[in-house]
Amino acid sequence: MGIDIAPVRRTAARQSLRLHGSIAQDIGTAILTGRYEPNDLLPNEVTFSEQLQVSRTAYREAVRILAAKGLVHSRPKAGTRVSPRSSWHFLDPDVLRWIFESGTPDPAFLRELFELRQIVEPAAAALAAERRTPQHVEDLRRALDNMDKYGLAVEDGRNADRLFHELILMATGNEALGTLASGIASAVRWTTMFKAKDGQMPRDPLPEHVAVFLAIEKGDPVEARRTMAELVGLALNDIAALGDEAGLPRRAGV
């Protein structure tokens, strides 16, 4: 009987994916932190693969990952260049992770994330209140229970928070909004981690989440919009409360 090499192939594939991802993260972080600027020409694949001590195939796969995230573009005989910032997929979960893991994010970028959330999430909560199913309500309640159980200073609690916000976007029943779910949920997770980087949250945000949940559960779109706007506004204030170095204005009236 022949030897089953499928597990070996799967292991090799996982190792290859990890290598491609690691190279993509290194280059992507260099782009996002300004070591490579828009329109900069990256070293050719021979030079780069020698510098990184990886195969040219691994480097090419990493470039494909970066191109899919809008960070680079390649043309035959012209090489690979850093794309304009307007092409970068800032809500891509990997891009968000690279930004936050590379140090303190640019205050302007933090502000833009909250502006996006303030535009999208209150409207999404209102739609969710009108369209949610019993299953959505059950899933949201479970996420809230886990937030309460673990707290947002630990990973399990942050995952529950991320899921709560993602579920609301999915509960809108709007597929276009649903495509934003993973990105906005990742933004929630990383900004929460940023607030809790010393292991402590500035305050307990659970009451605002409960208020949003109750409005969605009872099908009140006006209250759902209001409570979600309050939740996001207070989250912005939490960031601003970290100190002037955050460079973010407090929400007026809070």
C-alpha atoms as a PDB file:
ATOM      1  CA  MET A   1       0.000   0.000   0.000  1.00  0.00           C
ATOM      2  CA  GLY A   2       1.380   3.407  -0.937  1.00  0.00           C
ATOM      3  CA  ILE A   3       2.111   6.109   1.604  1.00  0.00           C
ATOM      4  CA  ASP A   4      -0.557   8.793   1.937  1.00  0.00           C
ATOM      5  CA  ILE A   5       1.298  12.008   1.151  1.00  0.00           C
ATOM      6  CA  ALA A   6      -1.776  14.237   1.411  1.00  0.00           C
ATOM      7  CA  PRO A   7      -0.954  15.319   5.015  1.00  0.00           C
ATOM      8  CA  VAL A   8       2.574  16.189   3.916  1.00  0.00           C
ATOM      9  CA  ARG A   9       1.229  18.258   1.057  1.00  0.00           C
ATOM     10  CA  ARG A  10      -1.208  20.047   3.383  1.00  0.00           C
ATOM     11  CA  THR A  11       1.578  20.827   5.832  1.00  0.00           C
ATOM     12  CA  ALA A  12       3.800  22.130   3.044  1.00  0.00           C
ATOM     13  CA  ALA A  13       0.940  24.251   1.725  1.00  0.00           C
ATOM     14  CA  ARG A  14       0.345  25.761   5.176  1.00  0.00           C
ATOM     15  CA  GLN A  15       4.041  26.517   5.563  1.00  0.00           C
ATOM     16  CA  SER A  16       4.101  28.103   2.117  1.00  0.00           C
ATOM     17  CA  LEU A  17       1.072  30.270   2.959  1.00  0.00           C
ATOM     18  CA  ARG A  18       2.711  31.371   6.197  1.00  0.00           C
ATOM     19  CA  LEU A  19       5.880  32.298   4.306  1.00  0.00           C
ATOM     20  CA  HIS A  20       3.971  34.278   1.669  1.00  0.00           C
ATOM     21  CA  GLY A  21       1.973  36.009   4.375  1.00  0.00           C
ATOM     22  CA  SER A  22       5.083  36.850   6.387  1.00  0.00           C
ATOM     23  CA  ILE A  23       6.800  38.401   3.372  1.00  0.00           C
ATOM     24  CA  ALA A  24       3.640  40.312   2.463  1.00  0.00           C
ATOM     25  CA  GLN A  25       3.394  41.619   6.025  1.00  0.00           C
ATOM     26  CA  ASP A  26       7.018  42.793   6.025  1.00  0.00           C
ATOM     27  CA  ILE A  27       6.653  44.650   2.734  1.00  0.00           C
ATOM     28  CA  GLY A  28       3.137  45.861   3.533  1.00  0.00           C
ATOM     29  CA  THR A  29       4.276  47.272   6.871  1.00  0.00           C
ATOM     30  CA  ALA A  30       7.160  49.036   5.144  1.00  0.00           C
ATOM     31  CA  ILE A  31       4.647  50.652   2.784  1.00  0.00           C
ATOM     32  CA  LEU A  32       2.139  51.578   5.482  1.00  0.00           C
ATOM     33  CA  THR A  33       4.819  53.134   7.703  1.00  0.00           C
ATOM     34  CA  GLY A  34       6.285  55.218   4.873  1.00  0.00           C
ATOM     35  CA  ARG A  35       9.531  53.377   4.241  1.00  0.00           C
ATOM     36  CA  TYR A  36       8.203  52.913   0.722  1.00  0.00           C
ATOM     37  CA  GLU A  37       6.097  55.774  -0.567  1.00  0.00           C
ATOM     38  CA  PRO A  38       3.475  55.867  -3.320  1.00  0.00           C
ATOM     39  CA  ASN A  39       5.000  55.397  -6.769  1.00  0.00           C
ATOM     40  CA  ASP A  40       8.258  54.042  -5.308  1.00  0.00           C
ATOM     41  CA  LEU A  41       9.648  51.164  -7.341  1.00  0.00           C
ATOM     42  CA  LEU A  42      10.252  48.079  -5.233  1.00  0.00           C
ATOM     43  CA  PRO A  43      13.487  46.144  -5.763  1.00  0.00           C
ATOM     44  CA  ASN A  44      13.135  43.504  -8.453  1.00  0.00           C
ATOM     45  CA  GLU A  45      12.232  39.975  -7.431  1.00  0.00           C
ATOM     46  CA  VAL A  46      15.796  38.687  -7.740  1.00  0.00           C
ATOM     47  CA  THR A  47      17.176  41.398  -5.469  1.00  0.00           C
ATOM     48  CA  PHE A  48      14.307  41.163  -2.995  1.00  0.00           C
ATOM     49  CA  SER A  49      14.343  37.366  -2.823  1.00  0.00           C
ATOM     50  CA  GLU A  50      18.083  37.443  -2.149  1.00  0.00           C
ATOM     51  CA  GLN A  51      17.683  40.111   0.539  1.00  0.00           C
ATOM     52  CA  LEU A  52      14.914  38.147   2.248  1.00  0.00           C
ATOM     53  CA  GLN A  53      16.576  34.788   1.559  1.00  0.00           C
ATOM     54  CA  VAL A  54      13.408  33.339   0.068  1.00  0.00           C
ATOM     55  CA  SER A  55      12.518  31.895  -3.304  1.00  0.00           C
ATOM     56  CA  ARG A  56      11.405  34.134  -6.136  1.00  0.00           C
ATOM     57  CA  THR A  57       8.125  32.212  -6.173  1.00  0.00           C
ATOM     58  CA  ALA A  58       7.492  33.129  -2.529  1.00  0.00           C
ATOM     59  CA  TYR A  59       8.201  36.773  -3.265  1.00  0.00           C
ATOM     60  CA  ARG A  60       5.865  36.782  -6.290  1.00  0.00           C
ATOM     61  CA  GLU A  61       3.069  35.259  -4.196  1.00  0.00           C
ATOM     62  CA  ALA A  62       3.610  37.940  -1.539  1.00  0.00           C
ATOM     63  CA  VAL A  63       3.343  40.646  -4.207  1.00  0.00           C
ATOM     64  CA  ARG A  64       0.048  39.123  -5.375  1.00  0.00           C
ATOM     65  CA  ILE A  65      -1.269  39.369  -1.804  1.00  0.00           C
ATOM     66  CA  LEU A  66      -0.235  43.016  -1.605  1.00  0.00           C
ATOM     67  CA  ALA A  67      -1.735  43.779  -5.013  1.00  0.00           C
ATOM     68  CA  ALA A  68      -5.065  42.294  -3.886  1.00  0.00           C
ATOM     69  CA  LYS A  69      -5.000  44.746  -0.960  1.00  0.00           C
ATOM     70  CA  GLY A  70      -4.365  47.667  -3.289  1.00  0.00           C
ATOM     71  CA  LEU A  71      -0.896  48.399  -1.908  1.00  0.00           C
ATOM     72  CA  VAL A  72       1.147  47.676  -5.047  1.00  0.00           C
ATOM     73  CA  HIS A  73       0.696  47.189  -8.767  1.00  0.00           C
ATOM     74  CA  SER A  74       2.942  45.426 -11.247  1.00  0.00           C
ATOM     75  CA  ARG A  75       3.454  45.831 -14.968  1.00  0.00           C
ATOM     76  CA  PRO A  76       5.513  43.680 -17.315  1.00  0.00           C
ATOM     77  CA  LYS A  77       9.056  45.023 -17.683  1.00  0.00           C
ATOM     78  CA  ALA A  78       8.140  48.011 -15.487  1.00  0.00           C
ATOM     79  CA  GLY A  79       8.425  46.270 -12.129  1.00  0.00           C
ATOM     80  CA  THR A  80       6.318  46.620  -9.013  1.00  0.00           C
ATOM     81  CA  ARG A  81       5.420  50.041  -7.665  1.00  0.00           C
ATOM     82  CA  VAL A  82       3.662  51.232  -4.544  1.00  0.00           C
ATOM     83  CA  SER A  83       0.121  52.256  -5.425  1.00  0.00           C
ATOM     84  CA  PRO A  84      -1.427  55.648  -4.538  1.00  0.00           C
ATOM     85  CA  ARG A  85      -2.937  55.772  -1.049  1.00  0.00           C
ATOM     86  CA  SER A  86      -6.366  56.142  -2.645  1.00  0.00           C
ATOM     87  CA  SER A  87      -6.017  52.539  -3.839  1.00  0.00           C
ATOM     88  CA  TRP A  88      -5.128  51.060  -0.437  1.00  0.00           C
ATOM     89  CA  HIS A  89      -7.783  48.846   1.135  1.00  0.00           C
ATOM     90  CA  PHE A  90      -7.664  50.323   4.616  1.00  0.00           C
ATOM     91  CA  LEU A  91     -10.537  48.147   5.876  1.00  0.00           C
ATOM     92  CA  ASP A  92      -8.798  44.940   4.873  1.00  0.00           C
ATOM     93  CA  PRO A  93      -8.319  43.076   8.184  1.00  0.00           C
ATOM     94  CA  ASP A  94      -4.650  42.360   7.389  1.00  0.00           C
ATOM     95  CA  VAL A  95      -3.947  45.986   6.494  1.00  0.00           C
ATOM     96  CA  LEU A  96      -5.543  47.122   9.755  1.00  0.00           C
ATOM     97  CA  ARG A  97      -3.495  44.593  11.684  1.00  0.00           C
ATOM     98  CA  TRP A  98      -0.257  45.720  10.052  1.00  0.00           C
ATOM     99  CA  ILE A  99      -1.044  49.360  10.824  1.00  0.00           C
ATOM    100  CA  PHE A 100      -1.789  48.770  14.499  1.00  0.00           C
ATOM    101  CA  GLU A 101       0.999  46.250  15.060  1.00  0.00           C
ATOM    102  CA  SER A 102       3.631  48.589  13.600  1.00  0.00           C
ATOM    103  CA  GLY A 103       3.240  51.169  16.388  1.00  0.00           C
ATOM    104  CA  THR A 104       0.926  54.009  17.344  1.00  0.00           C
ATOM    105  CA  PRO A 105      -1.368  54.708  14.375  1.00  0.00           C
ATOM    106  CA  ASP A 106      -1.433  58.100  12.720  1.00  0.00           C
ATOM    107  CA  PRO A 107      -4.012  60.252  14.579  1.00  0.00           C
ATOM    108  CA  ALA A 108      -5.537  61.239  11.240  1.00  0.00           C
ATOM    109  CA  PHE A 109      -6.097  57.572  10.410  1.00  0.00           C
ATOM    110  CA  LEU A 110      -7.762  56.926  13.776  1.00  0.00           C
ATOM    111  CA  ARG A 111     -10.021  59.914  13.188  1.00  0.00           C
ATOM    112  CA  GLU A 112     -10.970  58.617   9.757  1.00  0.00           C
ATOM    113  CA  LEU A 113     -11.845  55.190  11.147  1.00  0.00           C
ATOM    114  CA  PHE A 114     -14.226  56.763  13.638  1.00  0.00           C
ATOM    115  CA  GLU A 115     -15.713  59.044  10.994  1.00  0.00           C
ATOM    116  CA  LEU A 116     -16.428  55.959   8.912  1.00  0.00           C
ATOM    117  CA  ARG A 117     -17.995  54.190  11.870  1.00  0.00           C
ATOM    118  CA  GLN A 118     -20.106  57.253  12.703  1.00  0.00           C
ATOM    119  CA  ILE A 119     -21.446  57.323   9.144  1.00  0.00           C
ATOM    120  CA  VAL A 120     -22.087  53.582   8.717  1.00  0.00           C
ATOM    121  CA  GLU A 121     -22.908  51.990  12.054  1.00  0.00           C
ATOM    122  CA  PRO A 122     -25.862  54.115  13.274  1.00  0.00           C
ATOM    123  CA  ALA A 123     -27.615  53.682   9.925  1.00  0.00           C
ATOM    124  CA  ALA A 124     -26.808  49.960   9.964  1.00  0.00           C
ATOM    125  CA  ALA A 125     -28.224  49.613  13.476  1.00  0.00           C
ATOM    126  CA  ALA A 126     -31.465  51.281  12.327  1.00  0.00           C
ATOM    127  CA  LEU A 127     -31.792  48.862   9.412  1.00  0.00           C
ATOM    128  CA  ALA A 128     -30.953  45.929  11.669  1.00  0.00           C
ATOM    129  CA  ALA A 129     -33.786  46.940  14.011  1.00  0.00           C
ATOM    130  CA  GLU A 130     -36.202  46.724  11.089  1.00  0.00           C
ATOM    131  CA  ARG A 131     -34.880  43.553   9.480  1.00  0.00           C
ATOM    132  CA  ARG A 132     -33.236  41.389  12.156  1.00  0.00           C
ATOM    133  CA  THR A 133     -34.349  37.790  12.504  1.00  0.00           C
ATOM    134  CA  PRO A 134     -34.791  35.845  15.745  1.00  0.00           C
ATOM    135  CA  GLN A 135     -31.440  34.196  15.006  1.00  0.00           C
ATOM    136  CA  HIS A 136     -29.725  37.583  14.745  1.00  0.00           C
ATOM    137  CA  VAL A 137     -31.180  38.555  18.115  1.00  0.00           C
ATOM    138  CA  GLU A 138     -29.993  35.300  19.670  1.00  0.00           C
ATOM    139  CA  ASP A 139     -26.494  35.706  18.218  1.00  0.00           C
ATOM    140  CA  LEU A 140     -26.257  39.326  19.382  1.00  0.00           C
ATOM    141  CA  ARG A 141     -27.369  38.324  22.873  1.00  0.00           C
ATOM    142  CA  ARG A 142     -24.704  35.614  22.984  1.00  0.00           C
ATOM    143  CA  ALA A 143     -22.016  38.102  21.899  1.00  0.00           C
ATOM    144  CA  LEU A 144     -23.146  40.487  24.651  1.00  0.00           C
ATOM    145  CA  ASP A 145     -23.016  37.691  27.210  1.00  0.00           C
ATOM    146  CA  ASN A 146     -19.429  36.932  26.224  1.00  0.00           C
ATOM    147  CA  MET A 147     -18.458  40.609  26.369  1.00  0.00           C
ATOM    148  CA  ASP A 148     -19.859  40.690  29.901  1.00  0.00           C
ATOM    149  CA  LYS A 149     -18.205  37.406  30.848  1.00  0.00           C
ATOM    150  CA  TYR A 150     -14.700  38.195  29.600  1.00  0.00           C
ATOM    151  CA  GLY A 151     -14.434  41.982  29.419  1.00  0.00           C
ATOM    152  CA  LEU A 152     -12.806  43.891  26.571  1.00  0.00           C
ATOM    153  CA  ALA A 153      -9.314  43.915  28.073  1.00  0.00           C
ATOM    154  CA  VAL A 154      -8.861  40.273  26.990  1.00  0.00           C
ATOM    155  CA  GLU A 155      -8.977  38.613  23.578  1.00  0.00           C
ATOM    156  CA  ASP A 156     -12.153  36.572  24.120  1.00  0.00           C
ATOM    157  CA  GLY A 157     -14.051  39.710  25.083  1.00  0.00           C
ATOM    158  CA  ARG A 158     -12.708  41.674  22.126  1.00  0.00           C
ATOM    159  CA  ASN A 159     -13.703  38.862  19.771  1.00  0.00           C
ATOM    160  CA  ALA A 160     -17.229  39.028  21.179  1.00  0.00           C
ATOM    161  CA  ASP A 161     -17.261  42.804  20.641  1.00  0.00           C
ATOM    162  CA  ARG A 162     -16.021  42.381  17.081  1.00  0.00           C
ATOM    163  CA  LEU A 163     -18.716  39.795  16.430  1.00  0.00           C
ATOM    164  CA  PHE A 164     -21.431  42.050  17.889  1.00  0.00           C
ATOM    165  CA  HIS A 165     -20.640  44.839  15.423  1.00  0.00           C
ATOM    166  CA  GLU A 166     -20.258  42.409  12.535  1.00  0.00           C
ATOM    167  CA  LEU A 167     -23.612  40.795  13.288  1.00  0.00           C
ATOM    168  CA  ILE A 168     -25.377  44.162  13.208  1.00  0.00           C
ATOM    169  CA  LEU A 169     -24.109  44.840   9.693  1.00  0.00           C
ATOM    170  CA  MET A 170     -25.141  41.350   8.615  1.00  0.00           C
ATOM    171  CA  ALA A 171     -28.579  41.812  10.216  1.00  0.00           C
ATOM    172  CA  THR A 172     -29.291  44.730   7.861  1.00  0.00           C
ATOM    173  CA  GLY A 173     -29.992  42.195   5.126  1.00  0.00           C
ATOM    174  CA  ASN A 174     -28.046  44.502   2.793  1.00  0.00           C
ATOM    175  CA  GLU A 175     -25.320  42.573   0.968  1.00  0.00           C
ATOM    176  CA  ALA A 176     -23.429  45.735   0.051  1.00  0.00           C
ATOM    177  CA  LEU A 177     -23.277  46.716   3.727  1.00  0.00           C
ATOM    178  CA  GLY A 178     -22.396  43.135   4.578  1.00  0.00           C
ATOM    179  CA  THR A 179     -19.184  43.464   2.603  1.00  0.00           C
ATOM    180  CA  LEU A 180     -18.077  46.101   5.123  1.00  0.00           C
ATOM    181  CA  ALA A 181     -18.768  43.835   8.092  1.00  0.00           C
ATOM    182  CA  SER A 182     -15.353  42.224   8.492  1.00  0.00           C
ATOM    183  CA  GLY A 183     -13.513  45.511   7.939  1.00  0.00           C
ATOM    184  CA  ILE A 184     -15.553  47.543  10.403  1.00  0.00           C
ATOM    185  CA  ALA A 185     -15.468  44.699  12.921  1.00  0.00           C
ATOM    186  CA  SER A 186     -11.673  44.604  12.591  1.00  0.00           C
ATOM    187  CA  ALA A 187     -11.522  48.375  13.088  1.00  0.00           C
ATOM    188  CA  VAL A 188     -13.568  47.949  16.272  1.00  0.00           C
ATOM    189  CA  ARG A 189     -11.231  45.233  17.513  1.00  0.00           C
ATOM    190  CA  TRP A 190      -8.004  47.111  16.846  1.00  0.00           C
ATOM    191  CA  THR A 191      -9.164  50.434  18.248  1.00  0.00           C
ATOM    192  CA  THR A 192     -10.341  48.582  21.355  1.00  0.00           C
ATOM    193  CA  MET A 193      -6.932  46.954  21.687  1.00  0.00           C
ATOM    194  CA  PHE A 194      -5.354  50.378  21.276  1.00  0.00           C
ATOM    195  CA  LYS A 195      -7.476  51.721  24.134  1.00  0.00           C
ATOM    196  CA  ALA A 196      -6.576  48.755  26.336  1.00  0.00           C
ATOM    197  CA  LYS A 197      -2.867  48.622  25.518  1.00  0.00           C
ATOM    198  CA  ASP A 198      -1.994  49.016  29.212  1.00  0.00           C
ATOM    199  CA  GLY A 199      -4.315  46.123  30.069  1.00  0.00           C
ATOM    200  CA  GLN A 200      -7.116  48.397  31.288  1.00  0.00           C
ATOM    201  CA  MET A 201     -10.136  49.895  29.520  1.00  0.00           C
ATOM    202  CA  PRO A 202     -10.834  53.617  30.130  1.00  0.00           C
ATOM    203  CA  ARG A 203     -14.406  52.670  31.080  1.00  0.00           C
ATOM    204  CA  ASP A 204     -16.906  49.834  30.719  1.00  0.00           C
ATOM    205  CA  PRO A 205     -18.573  50.149  27.276  1.00  0.00           C
ATOM    206  CA  LEU A 206     -21.011  47.287  27.891  1.00  0.00           C
ATOM    207  CA  PRO A 207     -24.018  49.503  28.833  1.00  0.00           C
ATOM    208  CA  GLU A 208     -23.966  51.245  25.438  1.00  0.00           C
ATOM    209  CA  HIS A 209     -23.826  47.871  23.673  1.00  0.00           C
ATOM    210  CA  VAL A 210     -26.772  46.655  25.746  1.00  0.00           C
ATOM    211  CA  ALA A 211     -28.743  49.771  24.776  1.00  0.00           C
ATOM    212  CA  VAL A 212     -28.085  49.123  21.080  1.00  0.00           C
ATOM    213  CA  PHE A 213     -29.089  45.491  21.479  1.00  0.00           C
ATOM    214  CA  LEU A 214     -32.351  46.327  23.252  1.00  0.00           C
ATOM    215  CA  ALA A 215     -33.311  48.818  20.537  1.00  0.00           C
ATOM    216  CA  ILE A 216     -32.634  46.251  17.817  1.00  0.00           C
ATOM    217  CA  GLU A 217     -34.424  43.512  19.751  1.00  0.00           C
ATOM    218  CA  LYS A 218     -37.610  45.574  20.082  1.00  0.00           C
ATOM    219  CA  GLY A 219     -37.424  46.727  16.470  1.00  0.00           C
ATOM    220  CA  ASP A 220     -36.991  50.450  17.144  1.00  0.00           C
ATOM    221  CA  PRO A 221     -34.870  51.932  14.322  1.00  0.00           C
ATOM    222  CA  VAL A 222     -34.841  55.474  15.739  1.00  0.00           C
ATOM    223  CA  GLU A 223     -33.552  54.297  19.116  1.00  0.00           C
ATOM    224  CA  ALA A 224     -31.114  51.890  17.471  1.00  0.00           C
ATOM    225  CA  ARG A 225     -29.615  54.730  15.420  1.00  0.00           C
ATOM    226  CA  ARG A 226     -29.393  57.019  18.458  1.00  0.00           C
ATOM    227  CA  THR A 227     -27.804  54.452  20.767  1.00  0.00           C
ATOM    228  CA  MET A 228     -25.267  53.335  18.183  1.00  0.00           C
ATOM    229  CA  ALA A 229     -24.278  56.955  17.498  1.00  0.00           C
ATOM    230  CA  GLU A 230     -23.811  57.344  21.249  1.00  0.00           C
ATOM    231  CA  LEU A 231     -21.725  54.171  21.433  1.00  0.00           C
ATOM    232  CA  VAL A 232     -19.365  55.236  18.632  1.00  0.00           C
ATOM    233  CA  GLY A 233     -19.112  58.788  19.989  1.00  0.00           C
ATOM    234  CA  LEU A 234     -18.107  57.533  23.433  1.00  0.00           C
ATOM    235  CA  ALA A 235     -15.564  55.177  21.865  1.00  0.00           C
ATOM    236  CA  LEU A 236     -14.038  58.195  20.101  1.00  0.00           C
ATOM    237  CA  ASN A 237     -13.863  60.006  23.429  1.00  0.00           C
ATOM    238  CA  ASP A 238     -12.107  57.017  24.967  1.00  0.00           C
ATOM    239  CA  ILE A 239      -9.365  57.359  22.362  1.00  0.00           C
ATOM    240  CA  ALA A 240      -9.120  61.118  22.910  1.00  0.00           C
ATOM    241  CA  ALA A 241      -8.900  60.551  26.669  1.00  0.00           C
ATOM    242  CA  LEU A 242      -5.651  58.650  26.201  1.00  0.00           C
ATOM    243  CA  GLY A 243      -3.927  61.996  25.860  1.00  0.00           C
ATOM    244  CA  ASP A 244      -3.269  64.848  23.505  1.00  0.00           C
ATOM    245  CA  GLU A 245      -0.826  62.705  21.545  1.00  0.00           C
ATOM    246  CA  ALA A 246      -3.818  60.839  20.104  1.00  0.00           C
ATOM    247  CA  GLY A 247      -4.704  64.038  18.247  1.00  0.00           C
ATOM    248  CA  LEU A 248      -8.419  63.284  18.216  1.00  0.00           C
ATOM    249  CA  PRO A 249     -11.085  65.812  19.209  1.00  0.00           C
ATOM    250  CA  ARG A 250     -13.682  64.808  21.733  1.00  0.00           C
ATOM    251  CA  ARG A 251     -17.214  64.572  20.465  1.00  0.00           C
ATOM    252  CA  ALA A 252     -19.056  67.771  21.242  1.00  0.00           C
ATOM    253  CA  GLY A 253     -21.407  67.568  24.183  1.00  0.00           C
ATOM    254  CA  VAL A 254     -19.917  64.384  25.661  1.00  0.00           C
END
